[in-house]
Amino acid sequence: MNVLLVVDNYTTVTGASVTYVKQPDSIGYAGECELSPIVHEELVRLAVNMYMQDRFKLPNKETK
């Protein structure tokens, strides 16, 4: 992985950290998830909301 940090003459960088999402080793149900618990919970919540809106044709904020 390469990281390019671009700064100008007015910027002083005293530290940096990199967070990334890696491609899973395999996709399938094995009872374990490689995602962090926070990301996993958010994805499940979004998936359920998308399903419920489509299933019951519920309007969302954008369609009002």
N, C-alpha and C. Protein backbone atom coordinates (compact mmCIF):
# COMPACT_ATOMS: atom_id res chain seq x y z
N MET A 1 0.85 -1.17 0.00
CA MET A 1 0.00 0.00 0.00
C MET A 1 0.90 1.23 0.00
N ASN A 2 0.60 2.18 -0.86
CA ASN A 2 1.32 3.45 -0.90
C ASN A 2 0.38 4.56 -0.45
N VAL A 3 0.92 5.50 0.30
CA VAL A 3 0.16 6.65 0.77
C VAL A 3 0.90 7.89 0.32
N LEU A 4 0.20 8.82 -0.30
CA LEU A 4 0.77 10.08 -0.73
C LEU A 4 0.15 11.19 0.10
N LEU A 5 0.96 11.94 0.80
CA LEU A 5 0.50 13.04 1.63
C LEU A 5 0.92 14.34 0.94
N VAL A 6 -0.05 15.13 0.56
CA VAL A 6 0.21 16.37 -0.17
C VAL A 6 -0.01 17.54 0.78
N VAL A 7 1.00 18.40 0.93
CA VAL A 7 0.90 19.58 1.78
C VAL A 7 1.40 20.79 1.02
N ASP A 8 1.13 21.96 1.58
CA ASP A 8 1.64 23.20 0.98
C ASP A 8 2.64 23.84 1.92
N ASN A 9 3.15 25.02 1.56
CA ASN A 9 4.16 25.70 2.38
C ASN A 9 3.60 26.18 3.72
N TYR A 10 2.30 26.21 3.87
CA TYR A 10 1.67 26.73 5.08
C TYR A 10 1.22 25.63 6.03
N THR A 11 1.47 24.37 5.68
CA THR A 11 0.99 23.24 6.46
C THR A 11 2.16 22.53 7.13
N THR A 12 1.99 22.21 8.40
CA THR A 12 2.97 21.42 9.13
C THR A 12 2.29 20.12 9.57
N VAL A 13 2.82 19.01 9.14
CA VAL A 13 2.27 17.71 9.51
C VAL A 13 3.08 17.17 10.68
N THR A 14 2.40 16.93 11.79
CA THR A 14 3.09 16.40 12.97
C THR A 14 2.80 14.92 13.17
N GLY A 15 1.88 14.37 12.42
CA GLY A 15 1.56 12.94 12.53
C GLY A 15 0.45 12.59 11.57
N ALA A 16 0.29 11.33 11.31
CA ALA A 16 -0.77 10.87 10.41
C ALA A 16 -1.12 9.44 10.77
N SER A 17 -2.34 9.07 10.49
CA SER A 17 -2.76 7.68 10.64
C SER A 17 -3.60 7.31 9.43
N VAL A 18 -3.57 6.05 9.09
CA VAL A 18 -4.29 5.55 7.92
C VAL A 18 -5.25 4.48 8.38
N THR A 19 -6.51 4.60 7.96
CA THR A 19 -7.51 3.58 8.21
C THR A 19 -8.05 3.13 6.86
N TYR A 20 -8.12 1.84 6.65
CA TYR A 20 -8.62 1.34 5.38
C TYR A 20 -9.45 0.09 5.62
N VAL A 21 -10.26 -0.24 4.63
CA VAL A 21 -11.06 -1.46 4.68
C VAL A 21 -10.43 -2.43 3.70
N LYS A 22 -10.04 -3.58 4.18
CA LYS A 22 -9.39 -4.55 3.30
C LYS A 22 -10.43 -5.47 2.67
N GLN A 23 -10.06 -6.05 1.56
CA GLN A 23 -10.92 -7.03 0.91
C GLN A 23 -10.93 -8.29 1.78
N PRO A 24 -12.10 -8.86 2.03
CA PRO A 24 -12.15 -10.06 2.87
C PRO A 24 -11.44 -11.23 2.19
N ASP A 25 -10.94 -12.17 3.00
CA ASP A 25 -10.28 -13.35 2.46
C ASP A 25 -11.24 -14.20 1.64
N SER A 26 -12.45 -14.38 2.14
CA SER A 26 -13.47 -15.11 1.40
C SER A 26 -14.83 -14.58 1.82
N ILE A 27 -15.79 -14.71 0.94
CA ILE A 27 -17.13 -14.24 1.24
C ILE A 27 -18.03 -15.46 1.36
N GLY A 28 -18.75 -15.54 2.43
CA GLY A 28 -19.63 -16.66 2.66
C GLY A 28 -19.98 -16.71 4.13
N TYR A 29 -20.88 -17.55 4.49
CA TYR A 29 -21.27 -17.64 5.89
C TYR A 29 -20.38 -18.66 6.59
N ALA A 30 -19.56 -18.15 7.48
CA ALA A 30 -18.70 -19.04 8.27
C ALA A 30 -18.89 -18.78 9.75
N GLY A 31 -19.85 -17.90 10.10
CA GLY A 31 -20.08 -17.59 11.50
C GLY A 31 -19.19 -16.49 12.03
N GLU A 32 -18.25 -16.03 11.23
CA GLU A 32 -17.35 -14.96 11.66
C GLU A 32 -17.40 -13.83 10.64
N CYS A 33 -17.07 -12.64 11.09
CA CYS A 33 -17.06 -11.48 10.21
C CYS A 33 -15.72 -10.77 10.39
N GLU A 34 -15.10 -10.38 9.28
CA GLU A 34 -13.81 -9.68 9.35
C GLU A 34 -13.98 -8.18 9.59
N LEU A 35 -15.19 -7.68 9.46
CA LEU A 35 -15.41 -6.25 9.68
C LEU A 35 -15.35 -5.94 11.17
N SER A 36 -14.99 -4.70 11.47
CA SER A 36 -15.04 -4.30 12.87
C SER A 36 -16.51 -4.31 13.30
N PRO A 37 -16.78 -4.54 14.57
CA PRO A 37 -18.17 -4.60 15.03
C PRO A 37 -18.97 -3.34 14.71
N ILE A 38 -18.35 -2.18 14.77
CA ILE A 38 -19.06 -0.93 14.48
C ILE A 38 -19.49 -0.88 13.02
N VAL A 39 -18.59 -1.23 12.11
CA VAL A 39 -18.91 -1.22 10.68
C VAL A 39 -19.95 -2.28 10.38
N HIS A 40 -19.80 -3.47 10.98
CA HIS A 40 -20.76 -4.55 10.75
C HIS A 40 -22.17 -4.13 11.16
N GLU A 41 -22.30 -3.55 12.34
CA GLU A 41 -23.62 -3.11 12.83
C GLU A 41 -24.23 -2.06 11.90
N GLU A 42 -23.43 -1.12 11.43
CA GLU A 42 -23.94 -0.07 10.55
C GLU A 42 -24.39 -0.66 9.21
N LEU A 43 -23.63 -1.58 8.64
CA LEU A 43 -24.02 -2.21 7.38
C LEU A 43 -25.30 -3.01 7.52
N VAL A 44 -25.44 -3.73 8.61
CA VAL A 44 -26.67 -4.50 8.84
C VAL A 44 -27.85 -3.55 8.99
N ARG A 45 -27.68 -2.47 9.75
CA ARG A 45 -28.76 -1.50 9.93
C ARG A 45 -29.18 -0.90 8.60
N LEU A 46 -28.21 -0.50 7.77
CA LEU A 46 -28.53 0.06 6.46
C LEU A 46 -29.23 -0.96 5.56
N ALA A 47 -28.77 -2.20 5.59
CA ALA A 47 -29.39 -3.24 4.77
C ALA A 47 -30.84 -3.48 5.18
N VAL A 48 -31.09 -3.52 6.48
CA VAL A 48 -32.46 -3.72 6.97
C VAL A 48 -33.33 -2.54 6.57
N ASN A 49 -32.83 -1.32 6.71
CA ASN A 49 -33.60 -0.14 6.31
C ASN A 49 -33.92 -0.17 4.82
N MET A 50 -32.93 -0.54 4.00
CA MET A 50 -33.18 -0.61 2.55
C MET A 50 -34.24 -1.66 2.24
N TYR A 51 -34.15 -2.81 2.89
CA TYR A 51 -35.13 -3.87 2.68
C TYR A 51 -36.52 -3.41 3.08
N MET A 52 -36.64 -2.81 4.25
CA MET A 52 -37.94 -2.38 4.74
C MET A 52 -38.55 -1.31 3.85
N GLN A 53 -37.76 -0.36 3.38
CA GLN A 53 -38.28 0.68 2.50
C GLN A 53 -38.77 0.08 1.20
N ASP A 54 -38.01 -0.86 0.64
CA ASP A 54 -38.41 -1.48 -0.61
C ASP A 54 -39.60 -2.41 -0.41
N ARG A 55 -39.58 -3.17 0.65
CA ARG A 55 -40.62 -4.16 0.92
C ARG A 55 -41.98 -3.50 1.12
N PHE A 56 -42.01 -2.43 1.89
CA PHE A 56 -43.27 -1.78 2.22
C PHE A 56 -43.45 -0.46 1.47
N LYS A 57 -42.52 -0.16 0.56
CA LYS A 57 -42.58 1.07 -0.24
C LYS A 57 -42.77 2.30 0.64
N LEU A 58 -42.02 2.34 1.71
CA LEU A 58 -42.11 3.46 2.64
C LEU A 58 -41.37 4.67 2.07
N PRO A 59 -41.96 5.83 2.16
CA PRO A 59 -41.25 7.02 1.66
C PRO A 59 -40.10 7.37 2.61
N ASN A 60 -39.03 7.90 2.02
CA ASN A 60 -37.93 8.36 2.85
C ASN A 60 -37.87 9.88 2.80
N LYS A 61 -36.91 10.47 3.47
CA LYS A 61 -36.83 11.92 3.54
C LYS A 61 -36.69 12.56 2.17
N GLU A 62 -35.97 11.90 1.25
CA GLU A 62 -35.73 12.46 -0.08
C GLU A 62 -37.00 12.50 -0.94
N THR A 63 -37.97 11.60 -0.69
CA THR A 63 -39.16 11.54 -1.54
C THR A 63 -40.30 12.40 -1.00
N LYS A 64 -40.14 13.00 0.16
CA LYS A 64 -41.22 13.83 0.74
C LYS A 64 -41.17 15.22 0.17
